[in-house]
Amino acid sequence: MNNPNLILILILFASYIIGSFPTSIIMGRITKGIDIREHGSGNAGGTNVYRVLGWKPALVVVVFDVFKGWLPAAYLAKMFFDATPLPDLGLFQILCGFCAVLGHTYTIFAGFKGGKGVGTLAGMLIAMFPLAVPLCILVFAVTLMLTGYVSVGSIIASASLPVLLLTLPIIGIEPAELSLLIFSLMVPFFIIYTHRSNISRLRNGEENRFEKAMIFRKKS
């Protein structure tokens, strides 16, 4: 195949299909014969699997969801970059990874209704800038312990990503590529969009809270 544009389209479509693999929905069917989207928060993601099915199925789901984002950005993009018309590997990694995130969020295998994309996005970022991800996870963990809300932790952690990428070079860390910096500025908006129902529940005081994660909560 000698058509660079066609190769680009095929790899991006393959990335979307990889991201579309409905891990949490399959886990719900296998373990309890249910559609995970009809239970708990209604989200097809690791957090809701934890609420409904327990930590072991949730761990499997999270690992697979992270892998779905890592594989296109770390492997497919590098393997096929030279065959595409794109001038920047970082840009190709972003396109492949984000197609996987879109696949997770709007999975073709389950009526285009999937998860929030946080785990798959984390896998993509691990492939591209691994140092920032543990720091984002730390921000998420601290926020979760203070508030008890996974949604708030996800939003604040995503907002911390561009801040981290801009500040890490100050302490001698190699700066991220311009394409990744630009993409990191768009990540919080995407996470806010996918969490819009959670934001609505937060405003109404109806959002599910992980009380056990709140180490500073007041004891009744």
N, C-alpha and C. Protein backbone atom coordinates (compact mmCIF):
# COMPACT_ATOMS: atom_id res chain seq x y z
N MET A 1 0.85 -1.19 0.00
CA MET A 1 0.00 0.00 0.00
C MET A 1 0.89 1.25 0.00
N ASN A 2 0.76 2.07 -1.03
CA ASN A 2 1.65 3.22 -1.19
C ASN A 2 0.94 4.56 -1.04
N ASN A 3 -0.29 4.54 -0.56
CA ASN A 3 -1.05 5.78 -0.39
C ASN A 3 -0.94 6.25 1.06
N PRO A 4 -0.12 7.29 1.33
CA PRO A 4 0.09 7.74 2.72
C PRO A 4 -1.19 8.20 3.40
N ASN A 5 -2.06 8.88 2.66
CA ASN A 5 -3.30 9.37 3.26
C ASN A 5 -4.22 8.22 3.66
N LEU A 6 -4.27 7.19 2.82
CA LEU A 6 -5.09 6.02 3.14
C LEU A 6 -4.54 5.29 4.35
N ILE A 7 -3.22 5.17 4.43
CA ILE A 7 -2.59 4.53 5.59
C ILE A 7 -2.93 5.30 6.86
N LEU A 8 -2.86 6.62 6.78
CA LEU A 8 -3.19 7.46 7.94
C LEU A 8 -4.62 7.20 8.40
N ILE A 9 -5.55 7.18 7.47
CA ILE A 9 -6.96 6.95 7.80
C ILE A 9 -7.15 5.57 8.42
N LEU A 10 -6.51 4.55 7.85
CA LEU A 10 -6.66 3.19 8.35
C LEU A 10 -6.11 3.04 9.77
N ILE A 11 -4.96 3.67 10.04
CA ILE A 11 -4.37 3.57 11.38
C ILE A 11 -5.22 4.30 12.41
N LEU A 12 -5.76 5.44 12.04
CA LEU A 12 -6.64 6.17 12.96
C LEU A 12 -7.92 5.38 13.22
N PHE A 13 -8.44 4.74 12.18
CA PHE A 13 -9.63 3.90 12.37
C PHE A 13 -9.31 2.70 13.25
N ALA A 14 -8.13 2.09 13.03
CA ALA A 14 -7.72 0.97 13.87
C ALA A 14 -7.59 1.40 15.33
N SER A 15 -7.08 2.60 15.55
CA SER A 15 -6.96 3.14 16.92
C SER A 15 -8.33 3.30 17.55
N TYR A 16 -9.28 3.79 16.77
CA TYR A 16 -10.65 3.95 17.26
C TYR A 16 -11.25 2.59 17.63
N ILE A 17 -11.02 1.58 16.80
CA ILE A 17 -11.56 0.24 17.07
C ILE A 17 -10.95 -0.33 18.33
N ILE A 18 -9.64 -0.14 18.51
CA ILE A 18 -8.98 -0.61 19.74
C ILE A 18 -9.61 0.05 20.96
N GLY A 19 -9.80 1.36 20.88
CA GLY A 19 -10.41 2.08 22.00
C GLY A 19 -11.85 1.68 22.24
N SER A 20 -12.53 1.22 21.19
CA SER A 20 -13.95 0.86 21.30
C SER A 20 -14.20 -0.45 22.03
N PHE A 21 -13.15 -1.24 22.25
CA PHE A 21 -13.35 -2.52 22.93
C PHE A 21 -14.04 -2.27 24.27
N PRO A 22 -15.30 -2.72 24.44
CA PRO A 22 -16.11 -2.35 25.62
C PRO A 22 -15.79 -3.18 26.86
N THR A 23 -14.66 -2.92 27.44
CA THR A 23 -14.16 -3.74 28.55
C THR A 23 -15.15 -3.86 29.70
N SER A 24 -15.65 -2.73 30.17
CA SER A 24 -16.53 -2.75 31.34
C SER A 24 -17.86 -3.43 31.03
N ILE A 25 -18.36 -3.23 29.81
CA ILE A 25 -19.63 -3.86 29.43
C ILE A 25 -19.47 -5.38 29.38
N ILE A 26 -18.37 -5.84 28.79
CA ILE A 26 -18.09 -7.28 28.74
C ILE A 26 -17.92 -7.83 30.15
N MET A 27 -17.23 -7.09 31.02
CA MET A 27 -17.02 -7.55 32.39
C MET A 27 -18.34 -7.69 33.12
N GLY A 28 -19.25 -6.75 32.89
CA GLY A 28 -20.58 -6.84 33.51
C GLY A 28 -21.34 -8.06 33.04
N ARG A 29 -21.23 -8.34 31.75
CA ARG A 29 -21.92 -9.51 31.20
C ARG A 29 -21.34 -10.80 31.75
N ILE A 30 -20.01 -10.86 31.84
CA ILE A 30 -19.34 -12.09 32.26
C ILE A 30 -19.59 -12.38 33.74
N THR A 31 -19.48 -11.36 34.58
CA THR A 31 -19.53 -11.59 36.02
C THR A 31 -20.94 -11.69 36.59
N LYS A 32 -21.86 -10.84 36.07
CA LYS A 32 -23.21 -10.84 36.64
C LYS A 32 -24.32 -10.88 35.60
N GLY A 33 -23.95 -10.96 34.34
CA GLY A 33 -24.97 -11.00 33.30
C GLY A 33 -25.77 -9.72 33.18
N ILE A 34 -25.13 -8.57 33.46
CA ILE A 34 -25.82 -7.29 33.44
C ILE A 34 -25.15 -6.34 32.46
N ASP A 35 -25.88 -5.29 32.09
CA ASP A 35 -25.30 -4.18 31.35
C ASP A 35 -24.89 -3.14 32.38
N ILE A 36 -23.60 -2.92 32.54
CA ILE A 36 -23.10 -2.03 33.59
C ILE A 36 -23.68 -0.62 33.45
N ARG A 37 -24.12 -0.25 32.25
CA ARG A 37 -24.67 1.07 32.02
C ARG A 37 -26.07 1.25 32.61
N GLU A 38 -26.66 0.14 33.06
CA GLU A 38 -27.99 0.19 33.66
C GLU A 38 -27.93 0.11 35.18
N HIS A 39 -26.71 0.22 35.73
CA HIS A 39 -26.54 0.11 37.18
C HIS A 39 -25.59 1.20 37.68
N GLY A 40 -25.66 1.46 38.97
CA GLY A 40 -24.78 2.47 39.55
C GLY A 40 -24.98 3.83 38.92
N SER A 41 -23.88 4.44 38.49
CA SER A 41 -23.95 5.76 37.87
C SER A 41 -24.36 5.70 36.40
N GLY A 42 -24.39 4.49 35.84
CA GLY A 42 -24.73 4.34 34.43
C GLY A 42 -23.55 4.52 33.49
N ASN A 43 -22.37 4.71 34.04
CA ASN A 43 -21.17 4.93 33.23
C ASN A 43 -20.45 3.61 32.97
N ALA A 44 -19.99 3.44 31.73
CA ALA A 44 -19.26 2.22 31.37
C ALA A 44 -17.77 2.41 31.60
N GLY A 45 -17.38 2.57 32.86
CA GLY A 45 -15.98 2.80 33.19
C GLY A 45 -15.59 2.08 34.46
N GLY A 46 -14.31 2.19 34.80
CA GLY A 46 -13.77 1.46 35.94
C GLY A 46 -14.40 1.83 37.27
N THR A 47 -14.71 3.11 37.46
CA THR A 47 -15.29 3.55 38.73
C THR A 47 -16.63 2.90 38.98
N ASN A 48 -17.46 2.88 37.95
CA ASN A 48 -18.79 2.27 38.12
C ASN A 48 -18.68 0.76 38.26
N VAL A 49 -17.71 0.14 37.59
CA VAL A 49 -17.49 -1.30 37.77
C VAL A 49 -17.11 -1.60 39.21
N TYR A 50 -16.30 -0.72 39.80
CA TYR A 50 -15.92 -0.89 41.21
C TYR A 50 -17.16 -0.83 42.11
N ARG A 51 -18.04 0.13 41.84
CA ARG A 51 -19.24 0.27 42.66
C ARG A 51 -20.15 -0.95 42.55
N VAL A 52 -20.32 -1.44 41.34
CA VAL A 52 -21.31 -2.48 41.08
C VAL A 52 -20.74 -3.89 41.22
N LEU A 53 -19.51 -4.10 40.74
CA LEU A 53 -18.96 -5.45 40.65
C LEU A 53 -17.84 -5.74 41.64
N GLY A 54 -17.21 -4.70 42.19
CA GLY A 54 -16.12 -4.92 43.13
C GLY A 54 -14.76 -4.53 42.56
N TRP A 55 -13.73 -4.61 43.39
CA TRP A 55 -12.43 -4.07 43.01
C TRP A 55 -11.68 -4.96 42.01
N LYS A 56 -11.86 -6.28 42.07
CA LYS A 56 -11.14 -7.16 41.15
C LYS A 56 -11.57 -6.95 39.69
N PRO A 57 -12.88 -6.99 39.39
CA PRO A 57 -13.29 -6.68 38.02
C PRO A 57 -12.90 -5.26 37.61
N ALA A 58 -12.96 -4.32 38.56
CA ALA A 58 -12.61 -2.93 38.25
C ALA A 58 -11.14 -2.82 37.88
N LEU A 59 -10.28 -3.55 38.57
CA LEU A 59 -8.85 -3.51 38.27
C LEU A 59 -8.58 -4.02 36.86
N VAL A 60 -9.24 -5.11 36.48
CA VAL A 60 -9.08 -5.64 35.12
C VAL A 60 -9.53 -4.62 34.09
N VAL A 61 -10.66 -3.98 34.35
CA VAL A 61 -11.21 -2.97 33.42
C VAL A 61 -10.25 -1.80 33.28
N VAL A 62 -9.75 -1.30 34.39
CA VAL A 62 -8.85 -0.13 34.35
C VAL A 62 -7.57 -0.46 33.58
N VAL A 63 -6.99 -1.63 33.85
CA VAL A 63 -5.76 -2.03 33.15
C VAL A 63 -5.99 -2.10 31.65
N PHE A 64 -7.09 -2.73 31.24
CA PHE A 64 -7.40 -2.83 29.82
C PHE A 64 -7.68 -1.47 29.19
N ASP A 65 -8.40 -0.62 29.93
CA ASP A 65 -8.73 0.71 29.40
C ASP A 65 -7.48 1.56 29.21
N VAL A 66 -6.55 1.47 30.15
CA VAL A 66 -5.28 2.19 30.01
C VAL A 66 -4.49 1.65 28.82
N PHE A 67 -4.48 0.32 28.68
CA PHE A 67 -3.76 -0.30 27.57
C PHE A 67 -4.33 0.13 26.22
N LYS A 68 -5.66 0.32 26.16
CA LYS A 68 -6.30 0.74 24.91
C LYS A 68 -5.78 2.09 24.44
N GLY A 69 -5.42 2.96 25.38
CA GLY A 69 -4.88 4.26 25.00
C GLY A 69 -3.39 4.21 24.73
N TRP A 70 -2.70 3.31 25.44
CA TRP A 70 -1.25 3.22 25.29
C TRP A 70 -0.86 2.60 23.95
N LEU A 71 -1.54 1.53 23.56
CA LEU A 71 -1.15 0.77 22.37
C LEU A 71 -1.11 1.61 21.08
N PRO A 72 -2.15 2.36 20.75
CA PRO A 72 -2.08 3.15 19.51
C PRO A 72 -1.00 4.22 19.53
N ALA A 73 -0.84 4.91 20.69
CA ALA A 73 0.13 5.99 20.76
C ALA A 73 1.57 5.49 20.83
N ALA A 74 1.77 4.40 21.54
CA ALA A 74 3.14 3.90 21.75
C ALA A 74 3.61 2.97 20.64
N TYR A 75 2.68 2.25 20.03
CA TYR A 75 3.07 1.21 19.07
C TYR A 75 2.65 1.54 17.64
N LEU A 76 1.36 1.70 17.42
CA LEU A 76 0.88 1.92 16.06
C LEU A 76 1.47 3.20 15.45
N ALA A 77 1.48 4.28 16.23
CA ALA A 77 1.97 5.56 15.71
C ALA A 77 3.44 5.46 15.29
N LYS A 78 4.25 4.84 16.13
CA LYS A 78 5.68 4.73 15.81
C LYS A 78 5.92 3.76 14.67
N MET A 79 5.12 2.71 14.60
CA MET A 79 5.32 1.68 13.58
C MET A 79 4.99 2.19 12.18
N PHE A 80 3.95 3.03 12.08
CA PHE A 80 3.47 3.45 10.76
C PHE A 80 3.74 4.92 10.45
N PHE A 81 4.45 5.62 11.31
CA PHE A 81 4.65 7.06 11.11
C PHE A 81 5.32 7.38 9.78
N ASP A 82 6.35 6.64 9.43
CA ASP A 82 7.08 6.92 8.19
C ASP A 82 6.23 6.74 6.94
N ALA A 83 5.14 5.99 7.05
CA ALA A 83 4.29 5.74 5.89
C ALA A 83 3.17 6.76 5.75
N THR A 84 3.09 7.72 6.69
CA THR A 84 2.03 8.72 6.65
C THR A 84 2.57 10.05 6.14
N PRO A 85 1.69 10.98 5.79
CA PRO A 85 2.15 12.30 5.33
C PRO A 85 2.43 13.29 6.46
N LEU A 86 2.29 12.85 7.71
CA LEU A 86 2.45 13.77 8.84
C LEU A 86 3.93 14.06 9.09
N PRO A 87 4.26 15.32 9.43
CA PRO A 87 5.66 15.69 9.66
C PRO A 87 6.14 15.50 11.09
N ASP A 88 5.20 15.22 12.02
CA ASP A 88 5.52 15.23 13.46
C ASP A 88 5.00 13.94 14.09
N LEU A 89 5.91 13.13 14.65
CA LEU A 89 5.50 11.89 15.31
C LEU A 89 4.58 12.18 16.49
N GLY A 90 4.89 13.24 17.24
CA GLY A 90 4.06 13.59 18.38
C GLY A 90 2.62 13.85 17.98
N LEU A 91 2.43 14.52 16.85
CA LEU A 91 1.09 14.79 16.36
C LEU A 91 0.38 13.49 16.00
N PHE A 92 1.11 12.56 15.37
CA PHE A 92 0.51 11.27 15.00
C PHE A 92 0.13 10.48 16.25
N GLN A 93 0.97 10.53 17.27
CA GLN A 93 0.66 9.85 18.53
C GLN A 93 -0.60 10.43 19.16
N ILE A 94 -0.73 11.75 19.11
CA ILE A 94 -1.92 12.40 19.66
C ILE A 94 -3.16 11.96 18.91
N LEU A 95 -3.08 11.94 17.58
CA LEU A 95 -4.23 11.55 16.77
C LEU A 95 -4.63 10.10 17.04
N CYS A 96 -3.63 9.20 17.09
CA CYS A 96 -3.92 7.79 17.35
C CYS A 96 -4.51 7.61 18.76
N GLY A 97 -3.87 8.23 19.74
CA GLY A 97 -4.34 8.10 21.12
C GLY A 97 -5.73 8.67 21.31
N PHE A 98 -5.97 9.83 20.71
CA PHE A 98 -7.27 10.45 20.90
C PHE A 98 -8.37 9.70 20.18
N CYS A 99 -8.05 9.08 19.05
CA CYS A 99 -9.03 8.22 18.39
C CYS A 99 -9.41 7.05 19.30
N ALA A 100 -8.43 6.53 20.03
CA ALA A 100 -8.72 5.46 20.99
C ALA A 100 -9.62 5.97 22.11
N VAL A 101 -9.36 7.18 22.59
CA VAL A 101 -10.19 7.78 23.63
C VAL A 101 -11.62 7.97 23.13
N LEU A 102 -11.76 8.45 21.90
CA LEU A 102 -13.09 8.60 21.32
C LEU A 102 -13.78 7.25 21.19
N GLY A 103 -12.99 6.21 20.84
CA GLY A 103 -13.56 4.88 20.75
C GLY A 103 -14.09 4.40 22.09
N HIS A 104 -13.34 4.68 23.14
CA HIS A 104 -13.79 4.29 24.48
C HIS A 104 -15.05 5.05 24.87
N THR A 105 -15.08 6.33 24.57
CA THR A 105 -16.21 7.17 24.97
C THR A 105 -17.44 6.91 24.11
N TYR A 106 -17.22 6.68 22.82
CA TYR A 106 -18.32 6.43 21.89
C TYR A 106 -18.04 5.11 21.16
N THR A 107 -18.17 4.02 21.90
CA THR A 107 -17.81 2.71 21.35
C THR A 107 -18.80 2.24 20.29
N ILE A 108 -18.26 1.82 19.18
CA ILE A 108 -19.07 1.34 18.06
C ILE A 108 -19.74 0.02 18.39
N PHE A 109 -19.24 -0.69 19.40
CA PHE A 109 -19.75 -2.01 19.74
C PHE A 109 -20.90 -1.96 20.75
N ALA A 110 -21.26 -0.78 21.24
CA ALA A 110 -22.31 -0.69 22.25
C ALA A 110 -23.14 0.58 22.07
N GLY A 111 -23.58 0.81 20.84
CA GLY A 111 -24.46 1.94 20.58
C GLY A 111 -23.84 3.30 20.82
N PHE A 112 -22.52 3.38 20.70
CA PHE A 112 -21.78 4.64 20.86
C PHE A 112 -21.97 5.26 22.25
N LYS A 113 -22.19 4.42 23.24
CA LYS A 113 -22.33 4.88 24.61
C LYS A 113 -21.33 4.13 25.48
N GLY A 114 -20.19 4.79 25.77
CA GLY A 114 -19.14 4.16 26.55
C GLY A 114 -18.84 4.89 27.84
N GLY A 115 -17.54 4.92 28.19
CA GLY A 115 -17.12 5.54 29.44
C GLY A 115 -16.70 6.99 29.27
N LYS A 116 -16.04 7.51 30.30
CA LYS A 116 -15.65 8.92 30.30
C LYS A 116 -14.30 9.16 29.63
N GLY A 117 -13.52 8.11 29.40
CA GLY A 117 -12.27 8.24 28.66
C GLY A 117 -11.04 8.56 29.50
N VAL A 118 -11.18 8.62 30.81
CA VAL A 118 -10.06 9.03 31.66
C VAL A 118 -8.94 7.99 31.63
N GLY A 119 -9.27 6.71 31.81
CA GLY A 119 -8.25 5.67 31.82
C GLY A 119 -7.54 5.54 30.49
N THR A 120 -8.30 5.58 29.40
CA THR A 120 -7.71 5.47 28.06
C THR A 120 -6.84 6.68 27.76
N LEU A 121 -7.27 7.85 28.20
CA LEU A 121 -6.46 9.05 28.04
C LEU A 121 -5.16 8.94 28.83
N ALA A 122 -5.24 8.37 30.02
CA ALA A 122 -4.03 8.17 30.83
C ALA A 122 -3.05 7.24 30.12
N GLY A 123 -3.57 6.18 29.48
CA GLY A 123 -2.70 5.28 28.73
C GLY A 123 -2.00 5.97 27.59
N MET A 124 -2.73 6.83 26.91
CA MET A 124 -2.13 7.62 25.83
C MET A 124 -1.02 8.52 26.35
N LEU A 125 -1.26 9.17 27.48
CA LEU A 125 -0.26 10.08 28.05
C LEU A 125 0.94 9.33 28.59
N ILE A 126 0.74 8.12 29.10
CA ILE A 126 1.86 7.30 29.55
C ILE A 126 2.81 7.03 28.40
N ALA A 127 2.24 6.80 27.22
CA ALA A 127 3.06 6.53 26.04
C ALA A 127 3.84 7.75 25.60
N MET A 128 3.28 8.94 25.81
CA MET A 128 3.87 10.15 25.26
C MET A 128 4.70 10.96 26.26
N PHE A 129 4.25 11.01 27.50
CA PHE A 129 4.96 11.79 28.52
C PHE A 129 4.76 11.13 29.87
N PRO A 130 5.41 10.01 30.10
CA PRO A 130 5.12 9.19 31.29
C PRO A 130 5.34 9.88 32.62
N LEU A 131 6.24 10.85 32.70
CA LEU A 131 6.50 11.49 33.99
C LEU A 131 5.31 12.29 34.49
N ALA A 132 4.55 12.87 33.58
CA ALA A 132 3.43 13.72 33.98
C ALA A 132 2.27 12.90 34.55
N VAL A 133 2.13 11.66 34.11
CA VAL A 133 0.99 10.86 34.51
C VAL A 133 0.99 10.54 36.01
N PRO A 134 2.10 10.07 36.61
CA PRO A 134 2.08 9.83 38.05
C PRO A 134 1.75 11.10 38.85
N LEU A 135 2.20 12.24 38.38
CA LEU A 135 1.90 13.50 39.07
C LEU A 135 0.42 13.83 38.96
N CYS A 136 -0.16 13.58 37.79
CA CYS A 136 -1.60 13.79 37.62
C CYS A 136 -2.39 12.83 38.51
N ILE A 137 -1.89 11.59 38.62
CA ILE A 137 -2.55 10.61 39.48
C ILE A 137 -2.48 11.06 40.94
N LEU A 138 -1.34 11.65 41.32
CA LEU A 138 -1.20 12.17 42.69
C LEU A 138 -2.21 13.29 42.94
N VAL A 139 -2.38 14.19 41.97
CA VAL A 139 -3.37 15.25 42.09
C VAL A 139 -4.77 14.65 42.23
N PHE A 140 -5.05 13.63 41.41
CA PHE A 140 -6.34 12.96 41.49
C PHE A 140 -6.56 12.35 42.87
N ALA A 141 -5.54 11.64 43.37
CA ALA A 141 -5.67 10.95 44.66
C ALA A 141 -5.91 11.94 45.79
N VAL A 142 -5.16 13.03 45.81
CA VAL A 142 -5.32 14.04 46.86
C VAL A 142 -6.72 14.65 46.80
N THR A 143 -7.17 14.96 45.58
CA THR A 143 -8.50 15.54 45.42
C THR A 143 -9.58 14.57 45.87
N LEU A 144 -9.40 13.29 45.53
CA LEU A 144 -10.37 12.28 45.95
C LEU A 144 -10.41 12.14 47.47
N MET A 145 -9.25 12.17 48.10
CA MET A 145 -9.20 12.05 49.57
C MET A 145 -9.83 13.26 50.25
N LEU A 146 -9.74 14.41 49.62
CA LEU A 146 -10.30 15.63 50.22
C LEU A 146 -11.79 15.78 49.97
N THR A 147 -12.24 15.36 48.78
CA THR A 147 -13.64 15.59 48.41
C THR A 147 -14.50 14.34 48.37
N GLY A 148 -13.87 13.19 48.06
CA GLY A 148 -14.63 11.95 47.91
C GLY A 148 -15.25 11.78 46.55
N TYR A 149 -15.02 12.74 45.65
CA TYR A 149 -15.64 12.68 44.33
C TYR A 149 -14.62 12.30 43.26
N VAL A 150 -14.86 11.17 42.59
CA VAL A 150 -13.98 10.74 41.50
C VAL A 150 -14.04 11.74 40.34
N SER A 151 -15.23 12.25 40.06
CA SER A 151 -15.40 13.19 38.95
C SER A 151 -14.60 14.46 39.17
N VAL A 152 -14.63 14.99 40.39
CA VAL A 152 -13.86 16.20 40.69
C VAL A 152 -12.36 15.92 40.58
N GLY A 153 -11.93 14.76 41.06
CA GLY A 153 -10.53 14.38 40.95
C GLY A 153 -10.08 14.28 39.50
N SER A 154 -10.94 13.70 38.66
CA SER A 154 -10.60 13.55 37.24
C SER A 154 -10.48 14.91 36.55
N ILE A 155 -11.39 15.82 36.86
CA ILE A 155 -11.37 17.14 36.23
C ILE A 155 -10.15 17.94 36.68
N ILE A 156 -9.87 17.95 37.96
CA ILE A 156 -8.73 18.72 38.47
C ILE A 156 -7.41 18.11 37.99
N ALA A 157 -7.34 16.78 37.96
CA ALA A 157 -6.12 16.12 37.47
C ALA A 157 -5.87 16.47 36.00
N SER A 158 -6.93 16.49 35.20
CA SER A 158 -6.77 16.83 33.78
C SER A 158 -6.34 18.29 33.63
N ALA A 159 -6.85 19.16 34.49
CA ALA A 159 -6.46 20.56 34.43
C ALA A 159 -5.01 20.76 34.86
N SER A 160 -4.50 19.85 35.68
CA SER A 160 -3.11 19.97 36.14
C SER A 160 -2.11 19.55 35.06
N LEU A 161 -2.57 18.80 34.05
CA LEU A 161 -1.66 18.30 33.03
C LEU A 161 -0.90 19.40 32.30
N PRO A 162 -1.57 20.40 31.70
CA PRO A 162 -0.80 21.45 31.02
C PRO A 162 0.08 22.24 31.96
N VAL A 163 -0.37 22.41 33.20
CA VAL A 163 0.45 23.12 34.20
C VAL A 163 1.74 22.35 34.45
N LEU A 164 1.63 21.04 34.61
CA LEU A 164 2.81 20.21 34.85
C LEU A 164 3.76 20.23 33.65
N LEU A 165 3.22 20.12 32.45
CA LEU A 165 4.06 20.10 31.25
C LEU A 165 4.81 21.43 31.07
N LEU A 166 4.21 22.51 31.53
CA LEU A 166 4.85 23.82 31.41
C LEU A 166 5.87 24.08 32.52
N THR A 167 5.67 23.47 33.69
CA THR A 167 6.54 23.76 34.83
C THR A 167 7.67 22.75 35.03
N LEU A 168 7.50 21.51 34.56
CA LEU A 168 8.54 20.50 34.76
C LEU A 168 9.90 20.89 34.15
N PRO A 169 9.93 21.56 33.00
CA PRO A 169 11.24 21.97 32.46
C PRO A 169 12.01 22.91 33.38
N ILE A 170 11.31 23.57 34.29
CA ILE A 170 11.98 24.49 35.22
C ILE A 170 12.94 23.72 36.12
N ILE A 171 12.59 22.46 36.44
CA ILE A 171 13.45 21.67 37.33
C ILE A 171 14.35 20.73 36.52
N GLY A 172 14.50 21.02 35.24
CA GLY A 172 15.46 20.28 34.43
C GLY A 172 14.90 19.13 33.63
N ILE A 173 13.58 18.92 33.66
CA ILE A 173 12.97 17.85 32.88
C ILE A 173 12.86 18.31 31.42
N GLU A 174 13.13 17.38 30.50
CA GLU A 174 13.06 17.72 29.09
C GLU A 174 11.66 18.21 28.73
N PRO A 175 11.54 19.35 28.08
CA PRO A 175 10.21 19.89 27.76
C PRO A 175 9.47 19.03 26.77
N ALA A 176 8.14 19.07 26.86
CA ALA A 176 7.30 18.31 25.94
C ALA A 176 7.27 18.99 24.58
N GLU A 177 6.94 18.21 23.55
CA GLU A 177 6.81 18.78 22.22
C GLU A 177 5.64 19.76 22.18
N LEU A 178 5.74 20.73 21.27
CA LEU A 178 4.70 21.75 21.15
C LEU A 178 3.34 21.12 20.88
N SER A 179 3.31 20.08 20.06
CA SER A 179 2.03 19.43 19.75
C SER A 179 1.38 18.86 21.00
N LEU A 180 2.18 18.28 21.91
CA LEU A 180 1.63 17.73 23.14
C LEU A 180 1.17 18.84 24.08
N LEU A 181 1.91 19.93 24.13
CA LEU A 181 1.50 21.06 24.97
C LEU A 181 0.15 21.60 24.52
N ILE A 182 -0.01 21.77 23.22
CA ILE A 182 -1.28 22.27 22.69
C ILE A 182 -2.41 21.30 23.00
N PHE A 183 -2.13 20.00 22.82
CA PHE A 183 -3.14 18.99 23.11
C PHE A 183 -3.51 19.00 24.60
N SER A 184 -2.51 19.17 25.46
CA SER A 184 -2.77 19.14 26.90
C SER A 184 -3.72 20.25 27.33
N LEU A 185 -3.72 21.36 26.59
CA LEU A 185 -4.63 22.46 26.90
C LEU A 185 -6.08 22.12 26.56
N MET A 186 -6.27 21.17 25.64
CA MET A 186 -7.62 20.76 25.24
C MET A 186 -8.17 19.64 26.11
N VAL A 187 -7.27 18.91 26.79
CA VAL A 187 -7.69 17.75 27.58
C VAL A 187 -8.73 18.12 28.65
N PRO A 188 -8.51 19.18 29.46
CA PRO A 188 -9.50 19.50 30.49
C PRO A 188 -10.90 19.76 29.92
N PHE A 189 -10.97 20.39 28.76
CA PHE A 189 -12.27 20.68 28.16
C PHE A 189 -12.99 19.38 27.77
N PHE A 190 -12.22 18.42 27.25
CA PHE A 190 -12.81 17.13 26.89
C PHE A 190 -13.30 16.40 28.13
N ILE A 191 -12.49 16.40 29.19
CA ILE A 191 -12.88 15.71 30.43
C ILE A 191 -14.10 16.37 31.05
N ILE A 192 -14.15 17.70 31.04
CA ILE A 192 -15.32 18.40 31.55
C ILE A 192 -16.56 18.03 30.74
N TYR A 193 -16.38 17.94 29.42
CA TYR A 193 -17.53 17.59 28.56
C TYR A 193 -18.04 16.19 28.87
N THR A 194 -17.13 15.23 29.00
CA THR A 194 -17.57 13.86 29.27
C THR A 194 -18.12 13.69 30.68
N HIS A 195 -17.80 14.65 31.57
CA HIS A 195 -18.29 14.59 32.95
C HIS A 195 -19.43 15.59 33.19
N ARG A 196 -20.08 16.03 32.13
CA ARG A 196 -21.12 17.05 32.29
C ARG A 196 -22.29 16.55 33.14
N SER A 197 -22.62 15.25 33.05
CA SER A 197 -23.69 14.72 33.90
C SER A 197 -23.25 14.70 35.36
N ASN A 198 -21.98 14.41 35.60
CA ASN A 198 -21.47 14.44 36.98
C ASN A 198 -21.51 15.85 37.54
N ILE A 199 -21.16 16.82 36.72
CA ILE A 199 -21.19 18.22 37.16
C ILE A 199 -22.61 18.63 37.52
N SER A 200 -23.58 18.17 36.72
CA SER A 200 -24.98 18.46 37.02
C SER A 200 -25.39 17.84 38.35
N ARG A 201 -24.95 16.59 38.60
CA ARG A 201 -25.28 15.94 39.87
C ARG A 201 -24.58 16.62 41.04
N LEU A 202 -23.37 17.12 40.81
CA LEU A 202 -22.67 17.85 41.87
C LEU A 202 -23.44 19.10 42.27
N ARG A 203 -23.94 19.81 41.27
CA ARG A 203 -24.71 21.02 41.55
C ARG A 203 -25.99 20.72 42.33
N ASN A 204 -26.57 19.54 42.06
CA ASN A 204 -27.82 19.16 42.72
C ASN A 204 -27.59 18.38 44.01
N GLY A 205 -26.30 18.15 44.35
CA GLY A 205 -25.98 17.40 45.55
C GLY A 205 -26.32 15.93 45.44
N GLU A 206 -26.31 15.39 44.21
CA GLU A 206 -26.71 14.01 44.00
C GLU A 206 -25.55 13.12 43.53
N GLU A 207 -24.34 13.66 43.44
CA GLU A 207 -23.21 12.89 42.94
C GLU A 207 -22.77 11.84 43.96
N ASN A 208 -22.48 10.62 43.47
CA ASN A 208 -22.00 9.55 44.35
C ASN A 208 -20.63 9.93 44.93
N ARG A 209 -20.45 9.61 46.19
CA ARG A 209 -19.21 9.97 46.88
C ARG A 209 -18.58 8.73 47.49
N PHE A 210 -17.25 8.62 47.33
CA PHE A 210 -16.50 7.54 47.96
C PHE A 210 -16.09 7.97 49.37
N GLU A 211 -16.95 7.68 50.32
CA GLU A 211 -16.69 8.09 51.70
C GLU A 211 -15.42 7.44 52.25
N LYS A 212 -15.16 6.18 51.84
CA LYS A 212 -14.00 5.47 52.37
C LYS A 212 -12.68 6.11 51.95
N ALA A 213 -12.70 6.83 50.84
CA ALA A 213 -11.47 7.46 50.34
C ALA A 213 -11.17 8.77 51.04
N MET A 214 -12.14 9.30 51.78
CA MET A 214 -11.98 10.61 52.42
C MET A 214 -11.30 10.45 53.77
N ILE A 215 -9.99 10.59 53.78
CA ILE A 215 -9.25 10.37 55.03
C ILE A 215 -9.46 11.51 56.02
N PHE A 216 -9.96 12.64 55.53
CA PHE A 216 -10.15 13.80 56.42
C PHE A 216 -11.64 14.03 56.72
N ARG A 217 -12.50 13.05 56.42
CA ARG A 217 -13.93 13.25 56.65
C ARG A 217 -14.22 13.26 58.14
N LYS A 218 -15.28 13.98 58.47
CA LYS A 218 -15.69 14.04 59.88
C LYS A 218 -16.40 12.75 60.26
N LYS A 219 -16.03 12.21 61.38
CA LYS A 219 -16.67 10.98 61.85
C LYS A 219 -18.01 11.32 62.52
N SER A 220 -19.02 10.54 62.16
CA SER A 220 -20.35 10.78 62.74
C SER A 220 -20.45 10.13 64.11
